């Protein structure tokens, strides 16, 4: 449709991805399309518990492990065009002439491949000292790993300099759009003393 209307300036998209631009003309129903996304989540979970009784003691132990993956794909939009009566005193006439008063375009961002895992384990002893006293003794450990990206494209923010912090220049060159405002500085983790291990992915996940 964009090609048929003669609208230029949009980057090529993959075959099979279709859509329409959003058009806003006062007084008329405006066609638009919601941004397509394809989120995918997967969780692998292992849980096991055991109970053992002996004398006045009831021993319990257990473990739970969850490995989680969350992938997000966002297809590009096809721009939005707003027509007013700025040029001909009639919004519909501006539309027919192809003279929008404002336009915008959202670039598709790099797919995300978040990886994280969760572990908890416990041991417990229910000790019946006598008919009037039972002690419940136990210890528990839990760990939630921070989410990392499979392709190491996680970025951070340096509030002191107002800069985007990336793991490396290669990540920036491959994933930051050329239309990103040049006024916002981009720094690498090593340049401000942040260990790369705080931004890098976990190998093998």
N, C-alpha and C. Protein backbone atom coordinates (compact mmCIF):
# COMPACT_ATOMS: atom_id res chain seq x y z
N UNK A 1 0.83 -1.21 0.00
CA UNK A 1 0.00 0.00 0.00
C UNK A 1 0.87 1.25 0.00
N UNK A 2 1.96 1.21 0.77
CA UNK A 2 2.86 2.36 0.79
C UNK A 2 3.44 2.61 -0.59
N UNK A 3 3.85 1.54 -1.26
CA UNK A 3 4.38 1.69 -2.62
C UNK A 3 3.33 2.24 -3.56
N UNK A 4 2.07 1.75 -3.40
CA UNK A 4 1.00 2.20 -4.29
C UNK A 4 0.70 3.68 -4.10
N UNK A 5 0.84 4.17 -2.87
CA UNK A 5 0.57 5.58 -2.59
C UNK A 5 1.77 6.47 -2.92
N UNK A 6 2.89 5.85 -3.25
CA UNK A 6 4.08 6.63 -3.58
C UNK A 6 4.77 7.23 -2.37
N UNK A 7 4.59 6.62 -1.19
CA UNK A 7 5.23 7.11 0.03
C UNK A 7 6.63 6.53 0.11
N UNK A 8 7.61 7.41 0.21
CA UNK A 8 9.00 6.98 0.19
C UNK A 8 9.66 7.17 1.56
N UNK A 9 10.85 6.61 1.69
CA UNK A 9 11.66 6.86 2.88
C UNK A 9 11.59 5.78 3.94
N UNK A 10 10.84 4.70 3.70
CA UNK A 10 10.76 3.63 4.68
C UNK A 10 11.74 2.52 4.33
N UNK A 11 12.40 1.98 5.34
CA UNK A 11 13.34 0.89 5.05
C UNK A 11 12.61 -0.36 4.61
N UNK A 12 13.32 -1.19 3.86
CA UNK A 12 12.73 -2.45 3.40
C UNK A 12 12.47 -3.36 4.57
N UNK A 13 11.37 -4.12 4.50
CA UNK A 13 11.03 -5.07 5.55
C UNK A 13 11.10 -6.47 4.99
N UNK A 14 11.11 -7.45 5.88
CA UNK A 14 11.22 -8.82 5.44
C UNK A 14 9.98 -9.25 4.66
N UNK A 15 10.18 -10.19 3.76
CA UNK A 15 9.04 -10.73 3.03
C UNK A 15 8.07 -11.40 3.99
N UNK A 16 6.81 -11.21 3.73
CA UNK A 16 5.79 -11.82 4.58
C UNK A 16 5.27 -10.90 5.66
N UNK A 17 5.96 -9.78 5.93
CA UNK A 17 5.50 -8.80 6.91
C UNK A 17 4.69 -7.74 6.19
N UNK A 18 3.42 -7.66 6.49
CA UNK A 18 2.53 -6.73 5.82
C UNK A 18 1.93 -5.77 6.83
N UNK A 19 1.42 -4.67 6.34
CA UNK A 19 0.78 -3.70 7.22
C UNK A 19 0.36 -2.47 6.46
N UNK A 20 -0.23 -1.53 7.15
CA UNK A 20 -0.69 -0.28 6.55
C UNK A 20 -0.21 0.88 7.39
N UNK A 21 -0.05 2.05 6.81
CA UNK A 21 0.28 3.22 7.61
C UNK A 21 -0.96 3.70 8.37
N UNK A 22 -0.74 4.43 9.43
CA UNK A 22 -1.83 5.03 10.19
C UNK A 22 -2.11 6.42 9.64
N UNK A 23 -3.36 6.68 9.28
CA UNK A 23 -3.75 7.95 8.69
C UNK A 23 -4.74 8.65 9.61
N UNK A 24 -4.50 9.92 9.90
CA UNK A 24 -5.38 10.69 10.77
C UNK A 24 -5.87 11.92 10.01
N UNK A 25 -7.16 11.91 9.71
CA UNK A 25 -7.81 13.03 9.02
C UNK A 25 -9.01 13.45 9.87
N UNK A 26 -9.02 14.65 10.42
CA UNK A 26 -10.13 15.08 11.28
C UNK A 26 -11.48 14.94 10.58
N UNK A 27 -12.45 14.36 11.29
CA UNK A 27 -13.78 14.20 10.74
C UNK A 27 -14.00 12.90 10.00
N UNK A 28 -12.96 12.07 9.88
CA UNK A 28 -13.06 10.80 9.16
C UNK A 28 -12.52 9.67 10.04
N UNK A 29 -13.04 8.48 9.80
CA UNK A 29 -12.51 7.32 10.50
C UNK A 29 -11.08 7.06 10.04
N UNK A 30 -10.19 6.92 10.99
CA UNK A 30 -8.78 6.82 10.66
C UNK A 30 -8.33 5.36 10.71
N UNK A 31 -7.85 4.83 9.59
CA UNK A 31 -7.31 3.46 9.61
C UNK A 31 -5.96 3.44 10.31
N UNK A 32 -5.73 2.38 11.08
CA UNK A 32 -4.45 2.22 11.74
C UNK A 32 -4.23 0.74 12.02
N UNK A 33 -3.01 0.40 12.32
CA UNK A 33 -2.66 -0.98 12.61
C UNK A 33 -1.81 -1.02 13.87
N UNK A 34 -2.16 -1.91 14.79
CA UNK A 34 -1.37 -2.10 15.99
C UNK A 34 -0.05 -2.79 15.63
N UNK A 35 0.98 -2.42 16.34
CA UNK A 35 2.28 -3.04 16.11
C UNK A 35 2.22 -4.53 16.42
N UNK A 36 2.65 -5.34 15.48
CA UNK A 36 2.65 -6.78 15.70
C UNK A 36 3.83 -7.20 16.55
N UNK A 37 3.57 -8.08 17.48
CA UNK A 37 4.64 -8.62 18.32
C UNK A 37 4.43 -10.12 18.47
N UNK A 38 5.50 -10.81 18.73
CA UNK A 38 5.45 -12.27 18.83
C UNK A 38 6.21 -12.71 20.08
N UNK A 39 5.66 -12.41 21.26
CA UNK A 39 6.35 -12.84 22.48
C UNK A 39 6.26 -14.35 22.68
N UNK A 40 7.34 -14.92 23.12
CA UNK A 40 7.40 -16.37 23.38
C UNK A 40 8.07 -16.59 24.73
N UNK A 41 7.42 -17.35 25.58
CA UNK A 41 7.98 -17.64 26.89
C UNK A 41 8.04 -19.16 27.10
N UNK A 42 9.08 -19.58 27.76
CA UNK A 42 9.24 -21.01 28.05
C UNK A 42 9.88 -21.17 29.42
N UNK A 43 9.29 -22.04 30.23
CA UNK A 43 9.81 -22.30 31.57
C UNK A 43 10.00 -23.80 31.75
N UNK A 44 11.19 -24.19 32.12
CA UNK A 44 11.48 -25.58 32.49
C UNK A 44 11.61 -25.64 34.00
N UNK A 45 10.84 -26.51 34.63
CA UNK A 45 10.78 -26.53 36.09
C UNK A 45 11.03 -27.93 36.62
N UNK A 46 11.84 -27.99 37.68
CA UNK A 46 12.09 -29.26 38.37
C UNK A 46 11.81 -29.04 39.85
N UNK A 47 10.96 -29.88 40.44
CA UNK A 47 10.62 -29.81 41.86
C UNK A 47 10.71 -31.21 42.45
N UNK A 48 11.32 -31.32 43.62
CA UNK A 48 11.38 -32.60 44.31
C UNK A 48 11.43 -32.35 45.81
N UNK A 49 10.72 -33.19 46.56
CA UNK A 49 10.71 -33.10 48.01
C UNK A 49 10.79 -34.50 48.60
N UNK A 50 11.32 -34.58 49.79
CA UNK A 50 11.44 -35.87 50.49
C UNK A 50 11.13 -35.66 51.96
N UNK A 51 10.51 -36.67 52.57
CA UNK A 51 10.18 -36.64 54.00
C UNK A 51 10.65 -37.94 54.65
N UNK A 52 11.27 -37.77 55.81
CA UNK A 52 11.77 -38.94 56.54
C UNK A 52 11.42 -38.77 58.02
N UNK A 53 10.82 -39.79 58.59
CA UNK A 53 10.43 -39.74 60.00
C UNK A 53 11.25 -40.76 60.80
N UNK A 54 11.71 -40.28 61.95
CA UNK A 54 12.44 -41.17 62.84
C UNK A 54 12.28 -40.67 64.27
N UNK A 55 11.73 -41.50 65.09
CA UNK A 55 11.52 -41.12 66.48
C UNK A 55 10.63 -39.90 66.59
N UNK A 56 11.11 -38.90 67.30
CA UNK A 56 10.35 -37.66 67.49
C UNK A 56 10.65 -36.62 66.40
N UNK A 57 11.35 -37.03 65.37
CA UNK A 57 11.76 -36.08 64.33
C UNK A 57 11.08 -36.41 63.00
N UNK A 58 10.70 -35.35 62.31
CA UNK A 58 10.22 -35.46 60.93
C UNK A 58 11.09 -34.55 60.08
N UNK A 59 11.92 -35.16 59.26
CA UNK A 59 12.84 -34.40 58.43
C UNK A 59 12.23 -34.19 57.04
N UNK A 60 12.35 -32.99 56.55
CA UNK A 60 11.86 -32.67 55.21
C UNK A 60 12.95 -31.90 54.46
N UNK A 61 13.04 -32.15 53.17
CA UNK A 61 13.99 -31.44 52.32
C UNK A 61 13.40 -31.33 50.92
N UNK A 62 13.76 -30.27 50.25
CA UNK A 62 13.22 -30.09 48.90
C UNK A 62 14.06 -29.13 48.10
N UNK A 63 13.82 -29.16 46.79
CA UNK A 63 14.54 -28.28 45.88
C UNK A 63 13.62 -27.93 44.71
N UNK A 64 13.76 -26.72 44.22
CA UNK A 64 13.03 -26.28 43.03
C UNK A 64 13.99 -25.50 42.15
N UNK A 65 13.97 -25.81 40.87
CA UNK A 65 14.81 -25.10 39.90
C UNK A 65 13.96 -24.74 38.69
N UNK A 66 14.02 -23.49 38.30
CA UNK A 66 13.29 -23.04 37.11
C UNK A 66 14.26 -22.32 36.17
N UNK A 67 14.26 -22.73 34.94
CA UNK A 67 15.01 -22.05 33.90
C UNK A 67 14.00 -21.38 32.97
N UNK A 68 14.12 -20.07 32.80
CA UNK A 68 13.11 -19.32 32.06
C UNK A 68 13.71 -18.60 30.86
N UNK A 69 12.97 -18.61 29.78
CA UNK A 69 13.35 -17.91 28.56
C UNK A 69 12.17 -17.05 28.10
N UNK A 70 12.48 -15.83 27.71
CA UNK A 70 11.45 -14.92 27.21
C UNK A 70 11.98 -14.22 25.97
N UNK A 71 11.41 -14.57 24.81
CA UNK A 71 11.83 -13.99 23.54
C UNK A 71 10.75 -13.04 23.04
N UNK A 72 11.18 -11.89 22.53
CA UNK A 72 10.23 -10.89 22.03
C UNK A 72 10.68 -10.41 20.65
N UNK A 73 9.76 -10.50 19.71
CA UNK A 73 10.02 -10.03 18.35
C UNK A 73 8.99 -8.94 18.03
N UNK A 74 9.45 -7.81 17.52
CA UNK A 74 8.57 -6.72 17.18
C UNK A 74 8.72 -6.39 15.70
N UNK A 75 7.63 -6.51 14.97
CA UNK A 75 7.66 -6.17 13.56
C UNK A 75 7.59 -4.66 13.39
N UNK A 76 8.15 -4.14 12.31
CA UNK A 76 8.13 -2.69 12.11
C UNK A 76 6.74 -2.17 11.81
N UNK A 77 6.52 -0.90 12.11
CA UNK A 77 5.28 -0.25 11.72
C UNK A 77 5.50 0.39 10.35
N UNK A 78 4.45 0.98 9.82
CA UNK A 78 4.54 1.57 8.48
C UNK A 78 4.25 3.06 8.51
N UNK A 79 4.51 3.68 9.63
CA UNK A 79 4.42 5.12 9.73
C UNK A 79 3.04 5.63 10.05
N UNK A 80 2.98 6.85 10.55
CA UNK A 80 1.71 7.53 10.79
C UNK A 80 1.76 8.90 10.13
N UNK A 81 0.62 9.30 9.58
CA UNK A 81 0.52 10.55 8.83
C UNK A 81 -0.70 11.31 9.32
N UNK A 82 -0.50 12.52 9.77
CA UNK A 82 -1.58 13.35 10.28
C UNK A 82 -1.82 14.52 9.33
N UNK A 83 -3.09 14.65 8.91
CA UNK A 83 -3.46 15.71 7.97
C UNK A 83 -4.39 16.70 8.66
N UNK A 84 -4.08 17.96 8.55
CA UNK A 84 -4.95 19.01 9.07
C UNK A 84 -5.35 19.92 7.91
N UNK A 85 -5.78 21.08 8.22
CA UNK A 85 -6.14 22.03 7.14
C UNK A 85 -5.03 23.06 6.95
N UNK A 86 -3.80 22.65 7.20
CA UNK A 86 -2.68 23.59 7.19
C UNK A 86 -2.40 24.18 5.82
N UNK A 87 -2.61 23.38 4.75
CA UNK A 87 -2.20 23.83 3.42
C UNK A 87 -3.36 24.31 2.56
N UNK A 88 -4.51 23.68 2.71
CA UNK A 88 -5.64 24.04 1.82
C UNK A 88 -6.87 24.49 2.59
N UNK A 89 -6.77 24.62 3.89
CA UNK A 89 -7.91 24.96 4.75
C UNK A 89 -8.93 23.83 4.82
N UNK A 90 -8.57 22.64 4.31
CA UNK A 90 -9.45 21.48 4.37
C UNK A 90 -8.57 20.24 4.56
N UNK A 91 -8.80 19.52 5.69
CA UNK A 91 -7.94 18.38 6.02
C UNK A 91 -8.01 17.29 4.96
N UNK A 92 -9.22 17.03 4.43
CA UNK A 92 -9.35 15.97 3.43
C UNK A 92 -8.63 16.35 2.13
N UNK A 93 -8.67 17.62 1.80
CA UNK A 93 -7.96 18.09 0.60
C UNK A 93 -6.45 17.93 0.80
N UNK A 94 -5.96 18.23 2.01
CA UNK A 94 -4.54 18.01 2.29
C UNK A 94 -4.18 16.54 2.11
N UNK A 95 -5.11 15.65 2.54
CA UNK A 95 -4.87 14.22 2.39
C UNK A 95 -4.80 13.82 0.91
N UNK A 96 -5.74 14.32 0.13
CA UNK A 96 -5.76 13.98 -1.30
C UNK A 96 -4.50 14.48 -2.01
N UNK A 97 -3.96 15.59 -1.52
CA UNK A 97 -2.75 16.13 -2.13
C UNK A 97 -1.48 15.51 -1.55
N UNK A 98 -1.65 14.70 -0.49
CA UNK A 98 -0.49 14.06 0.12
C UNK A 98 0.39 15.04 0.88
N UNK A 99 -0.24 15.97 1.61
CA UNK A 99 0.50 16.99 2.33
C UNK A 99 0.21 16.89 3.83
N UNK A 100 0.85 15.96 4.52
CA UNK A 100 0.61 15.84 5.96
C UNK A 100 1.29 16.96 6.73
N UNK A 101 0.72 17.30 7.88
CA UNK A 101 1.37 18.32 8.71
C UNK A 101 2.37 17.70 9.67
N UNK A 102 2.27 16.36 9.88
CA UNK A 102 3.27 15.68 10.70
C UNK A 102 3.30 14.21 10.32
N UNK A 103 4.46 13.64 10.44
CA UNK A 103 4.65 12.21 10.15
C UNK A 103 5.56 11.62 11.21
N UNK A 104 5.46 10.31 11.39
CA UNK A 104 6.35 9.63 12.33
C UNK A 104 6.52 8.19 11.88
N UNK A 105 7.59 7.59 12.35
CA UNK A 105 7.87 6.19 12.01
C UNK A 105 8.61 5.54 13.17
N UNK A 106 8.19 4.36 13.56
CA UNK A 106 8.84 3.61 14.64
C UNK A 106 9.62 2.44 14.04
N UNK A 107 10.92 2.44 14.25
CA UNK A 107 11.74 1.36 13.74
C UNK A 107 11.59 0.12 14.62
N UNK A 108 11.64 -1.03 14.00
CA UNK A 108 11.59 -2.27 14.77
C UNK A 108 12.88 -2.42 15.56
N UNK A 109 12.75 -2.76 16.84
CA UNK A 109 13.94 -2.92 17.65
C UNK A 109 14.48 -4.34 17.52
N UNK A 110 15.71 -4.51 17.95
CA UNK A 110 16.36 -5.82 17.90
C UNK A 110 15.59 -6.81 18.78
N UNK A 111 15.36 -8.02 18.30
CA UNK A 111 14.66 -9.01 19.15
C UNK A 111 15.38 -9.23 20.47
N UNK A 112 14.59 -9.49 21.50
CA UNK A 112 15.15 -9.74 22.82
C UNK A 112 15.09 -11.24 23.13
N UNK A 113 16.16 -11.73 23.75
CA UNK A 113 16.23 -13.14 24.15
C UNK A 113 16.66 -13.20 25.61
N UNK A 114 15.74 -12.92 26.50
CA UNK A 114 16.06 -12.89 27.93
C UNK A 114 16.20 -14.30 28.49
N UNK A 115 17.21 -14.48 29.33
CA UNK A 115 17.47 -15.76 29.96
C UNK A 115 17.68 -15.52 31.47
N UNK A 116 17.01 -16.30 32.30
CA UNK A 116 17.18 -16.21 33.73
C UNK A 116 16.81 -17.53 34.39
N UNK A 117 17.19 -17.69 35.64
CA UNK A 117 16.88 -18.93 36.34
C UNK A 117 16.64 -18.65 37.82
N UNK A 118 15.94 -19.59 38.45
CA UNK A 118 15.55 -19.44 39.84
C UNK A 118 15.82 -20.75 40.57
N UNK A 119 16.35 -20.65 41.78
CA UNK A 119 16.67 -21.83 42.57
C UNK A 119 16.25 -21.61 44.01
N UNK A 120 15.60 -22.59 44.60
CA UNK A 120 15.36 -22.56 46.04
C UNK A 120 15.47 -23.97 46.59
N UNK A 121 15.96 -24.06 47.81
CA UNK A 121 16.09 -25.34 48.48
C UNK A 121 15.88 -25.14 49.98
N UNK A 122 15.44 -26.18 50.66
CA UNK A 122 15.18 -26.05 52.09
C UNK A 122 15.42 -27.39 52.79
N UNK A 123 15.68 -27.30 54.09
CA UNK A 123 15.76 -28.45 54.98
C UNK A 123 15.01 -28.08 56.26
N UNK A 124 14.24 -29.03 56.76
CA UNK A 124 13.39 -28.74 57.91
C UNK A 124 13.34 -29.94 58.85
N UNK A 125 13.28 -29.66 60.13
CA UNK A 125 13.14 -30.72 61.15
C UNK A 125 12.01 -30.33 62.10
N UNK A 126 10.95 -31.12 62.09
CA UNK A 126 9.86 -30.94 63.05
C UNK A 126 10.14 -31.87 64.23
N UNK A 127 10.59 -31.29 65.31
CA UNK A 127 11.04 -32.07 66.47
C UNK A 127 9.98 -31.99 67.57
N UNK A 128 9.35 -33.10 67.81
CA UNK A 128 8.34 -33.16 68.87
C UNK A 128 9.05 -33.49 70.18
N UNK A 129 9.37 -32.46 70.94
CA UNK A 129 10.11 -32.63 72.19
C UNK A 129 9.27 -33.38 73.21
N UNK A 130 8.01 -32.99 73.35
CA UNK A 130 7.06 -33.70 74.21
C UNK A 130 5.65 -33.38 73.72
N UNK A 131 4.66 -33.80 74.48
CA UNK A 131 3.27 -33.60 74.05
C UNK A 131 2.86 -32.13 74.05
N UNK A 132 3.62 -31.31 74.72
CA UNK A 132 3.26 -29.89 74.83
C UNK A 132 4.20 -28.98 74.04
N UNK A 133 5.25 -29.53 73.47
CA UNK A 133 6.24 -28.70 72.79
C UNK A 133 6.75 -29.37 71.51
N UNK A 134 6.62 -28.66 70.42
CA UNK A 134 7.17 -29.11 69.13
C UNK A 134 7.98 -27.96 68.53
N UNK A 135 9.19 -28.25 68.17
CA UNK A 135 10.05 -27.24 67.55
C UNK A 135 10.10 -27.46 66.04
N UNK A 136 9.90 -26.37 65.32
CA UNK A 136 10.00 -26.42 63.85
C UNK A 136 11.29 -25.71 63.46
N UNK A 137 12.29 -26.45 63.11
CA UNK A 137 13.61 -25.92 62.78
C UNK A 137 13.87 -26.09 61.29
N UNK A 138 14.47 -25.09 60.70
CA UNK A 138 14.73 -25.24 59.27
C UNK A 138 15.59 -24.12 58.72
N UNK A 139 16.05 -24.32 57.51
CA UNK A 139 16.83 -23.33 56.79
C UNK A 139 16.39 -23.35 55.33
N UNK A 140 16.39 -22.19 54.70
CA UNK A 140 15.93 -22.08 53.32
C UNK A 140 16.86 -21.14 52.55
N UNK A 141 17.09 -21.47 51.30
CA UNK A 141 17.93 -20.64 50.44
C UNK A 141 17.21 -20.41 49.12
N UNK A 142 17.19 -19.15 48.66
CA UNK A 142 16.57 -18.81 47.38
C UNK A 142 17.50 -17.90 46.59
N UNK A 143 17.48 -18.08 45.28
CA UNK A 143 18.27 -17.21 44.41
C UNK A 143 17.52 -16.96 43.12
N UNK A 144 17.38 -15.67 42.78
CA UNK A 144 16.80 -15.25 41.50
C UNK A 144 17.92 -14.62 40.68
N UNK A 145 18.26 -15.20 39.57
CA UNK A 145 19.32 -14.61 38.75
C UNK A 145 18.79 -13.39 38.00
N UNK A 146 19.62 -12.39 37.77
CA UNK A 146 19.19 -11.28 36.92
C UNK A 146 19.05 -11.75 35.48
N UNK A 147 18.13 -11.14 34.75
CA UNK A 147 17.93 -11.51 33.35
C UNK A 147 19.10 -11.03 32.50
N UNK A 148 19.55 -11.87 31.61
CA UNK A 148 20.59 -11.52 30.65
C UNK A 148 20.08 -11.82 29.24
N UNK A 149 20.72 -11.26 28.26
CA UNK A 149 20.31 -11.49 26.88
C UNK A 149 21.25 -12.48 26.22
N UNK A 150 20.67 -13.40 25.46
CA UNK A 150 21.46 -14.44 24.81
C UNK A 150 22.52 -13.87 23.87
N UNK A 151 22.20 -12.75 23.23
CA UNK A 151 23.13 -12.15 22.28
C UNK A 151 23.89 -10.96 22.84
N UNK A 152 23.81 -10.77 24.15
CA UNK A 152 24.60 -9.73 24.81
C UNK A 152 24.28 -8.33 24.28
N UNK A 153 23.00 -7.99 24.21
CA UNK A 153 22.63 -6.66 23.75
C UNK A 153 21.99 -5.83 24.86
N UNK A 154 22.15 -6.27 26.10
CA UNK A 154 21.58 -5.52 27.22
C UNK A 154 22.34 -4.20 27.39
N UNK A 155 21.60 -3.12 27.55
CA UNK A 155 22.21 -1.81 27.75
C UNK A 155 21.82 -1.27 29.12
N UNK A 156 22.55 -0.26 29.56
CA UNK A 156 22.26 0.37 30.84
C UNK A 156 22.28 1.89 30.63
N UNK A 157 22.21 2.63 31.74
CA UNK A 157 22.16 4.09 31.64
C UNK A 157 23.08 4.69 32.69
N UNK A 158 23.86 5.66 32.27
CA UNK A 158 24.75 6.38 33.16
C UNK A 158 24.14 7.73 33.49
N UNK A 159 23.48 7.88 34.65
CA UNK A 159 22.80 9.14 34.96
C UNK A 159 23.76 10.32 35.12
N UNK A 160 25.01 10.04 35.49
CA UNK A 160 25.97 11.13 35.68
C UNK A 160 26.25 11.86 34.37
N UNK A 161 26.29 11.11 33.27
CA UNK A 161 26.59 11.70 31.97
C UNK A 161 25.39 11.71 31.03
N UNK A 162 24.29 11.10 31.47
CA UNK A 162 23.12 11.02 30.59
C UNK A 162 23.39 10.18 29.36
N UNK A 163 24.18 9.11 29.54
CA UNK A 163 24.64 8.30 28.41
C UNK A 163 24.05 6.90 28.46
N UNK A 164 23.87 6.32 27.28
CA UNK A 164 23.51 4.91 27.15
C UNK A 164 24.79 4.09 27.24
N UNK A 165 24.79 3.06 28.07
CA UNK A 165 25.98 2.22 28.25
C UNK A 165 25.73 0.88 27.58
N UNK A 166 26.62 0.50 26.66
CA UNK A 166 26.50 -0.76 25.93
C UNK A 166 27.71 -1.64 26.24
N UNK A 167 27.58 -2.96 26.08
CA UNK A 167 28.71 -3.85 26.37
C UNK A 167 29.94 -3.57 25.52
N UNK A 168 29.73 -3.22 24.24
CA UNK A 168 30.87 -3.00 23.36
C UNK A 168 30.43 -2.13 22.18
N UNK A 169 31.41 -1.59 21.47
CA UNK A 169 31.10 -0.79 20.28
C UNK A 169 30.45 -1.63 19.20
N UNK A 170 30.84 -2.90 19.12
CA UNK A 170 30.26 -3.79 18.13
C UNK A 170 28.76 -3.95 18.36
N UNK A 171 28.35 -4.09 19.62
CA UNK A 171 26.92 -4.20 19.93
C UNK A 171 26.19 -2.93 19.51
N UNK A 172 26.81 -1.77 19.77
CA UNK A 172 26.19 -0.51 19.40
C UNK A 172 26.04 -0.38 17.89
N UNK A 173 27.08 -0.72 17.15
CA UNK A 173 27.05 -0.59 15.70
C UNK A 173 26.01 -1.51 15.07
N UNK A 174 25.79 -2.67 15.66
CA UNK A 174 24.88 -3.65 15.07
C UNK A 174 23.43 -3.45 15.48
N UNK A 175 23.19 -2.74 16.59
CA UNK A 175 21.83 -2.71 17.13
C UNK A 175 21.24 -1.32 17.33
N UNK A 176 22.04 -0.28 17.28
CA UNK A 176 21.50 1.07 17.46
C UNK A 176 21.22 1.67 16.10
N UNK A 177 19.99 2.11 15.91
CA UNK A 177 19.57 2.66 14.63
C UNK A 177 20.28 3.97 14.33
N UNK A 178 20.53 4.20 13.06
CA UNK A 178 21.23 5.42 12.66
C UNK A 178 20.42 6.68 12.97
N UNK A 179 19.10 6.52 13.18
CA UNK A 179 18.26 7.67 13.49
C UNK A 179 18.27 8.01 14.97
N UNK A 180 19.01 7.24 15.79
CA UNK A 180 19.09 7.52 17.22
C UNK A 180 19.71 8.89 17.43
N UNK A 181 19.12 9.74 18.30
CA UNK A 181 19.60 11.12 18.47
C UNK A 181 21.08 11.17 18.82
N UNK A 182 21.83 11.93 18.05
CA UNK A 182 23.27 12.04 18.29
C UNK A 182 23.58 12.83 19.55
N UNK A 183 22.59 13.57 20.07
CA UNK A 183 22.82 14.35 21.28
C UNK A 183 22.96 13.46 22.52
N UNK A 184 22.47 12.23 22.44
CA UNK A 184 22.57 11.31 23.57
C UNK A 184 23.85 10.50 23.42
N UNK A 185 24.81 10.67 24.31
CA UNK A 185 26.08 9.95 24.17
C UNK A 185 25.92 8.45 24.40
N UNK A 186 26.80 7.70 23.77
CA UNK A 186 26.84 6.25 23.92
C UNK A 186 28.22 5.85 24.43
N UNK A 187 28.27 5.10 25.51
CA UNK A 187 29.53 4.69 26.11
C UNK A 187 29.59 3.17 26.20
N UNK A 188 30.80 2.66 26.21
CA UNK A 188 30.98 1.22 26.43
C UNK A 188 31.16 0.98 27.93
N UNK A 189 30.88 -0.23 28.35
CA UNK A 189 31.00 -0.56 29.77
C UNK A 189 32.42 -0.36 30.26
N UNK A 190 33.40 -0.74 29.46
CA UNK A 190 34.79 -0.64 29.89
C UNK A 190 35.23 0.82 30.05
N UNK A 191 34.65 1.73 29.27
CA UNK A 191 35.08 3.13 29.32
C UNK A 191 34.68 3.82 30.61
N UNK A 192 33.68 3.30 31.32
CA UNK A 192 33.27 3.92 32.58
C UNK A 192 33.52 3.00 33.77
N UNK A 193 34.27 1.92 33.53
CA UNK A 193 34.69 1.07 34.62
C UNK A 193 33.67 0.05 35.08
N UNK A 194 32.67 -0.25 34.25
CA UNK A 194 31.70 -1.29 34.59
C UNK A 194 32.21 -2.62 34.03
N UNK A 195 32.29 -3.65 34.85
CA UNK A 195 32.76 -4.95 34.33
C UNK A 195 31.84 -5.47 33.23
N UNK A 196 32.42 -5.99 32.19
CA UNK A 196 31.61 -6.55 31.10
C UNK A 196 30.76 -7.72 31.58
N UNK A 197 31.20 -8.38 32.65
CA UNK A 197 30.43 -9.52 33.15
C UNK A 197 29.08 -9.10 33.70
N UNK A 198 28.89 -7.80 33.96
CA UNK A 198 27.60 -7.35 34.46
C UNK A 198 26.61 -7.15 33.33
N UNK A 199 27.11 -7.16 32.09
CA UNK A 199 26.25 -6.94 30.94
C UNK A 199 26.24 -8.11 29.97
N UNK A 200 27.21 -9.00 30.11
CA UNK A 200 27.36 -10.07 29.10
C UNK A 200 26.41 -11.22 29.38
N UNK A 201 26.13 -12.00 28.35
CA UNK A 201 25.23 -13.12 28.51
C UNK A 201 25.91 -14.30 29.19
N UNK A 202 25.09 -15.23 29.71
CA UNK A 202 25.63 -16.46 30.28
C UNK A 202 25.79 -17.47 29.15
N UNK A 203 26.98 -17.91 28.93
CA UNK A 203 27.23 -18.83 27.82
C UNK A 203 26.49 -20.13 28.03
N UNK A 204 25.96 -20.65 26.93
CA UNK A 204 25.32 -21.95 26.97
C UNK A 204 23.82 -21.92 27.17
N UNK A 205 23.26 -20.77 27.54
CA UNK A 205 21.81 -20.71 27.72
C UNK A 205 21.15 -20.32 26.42
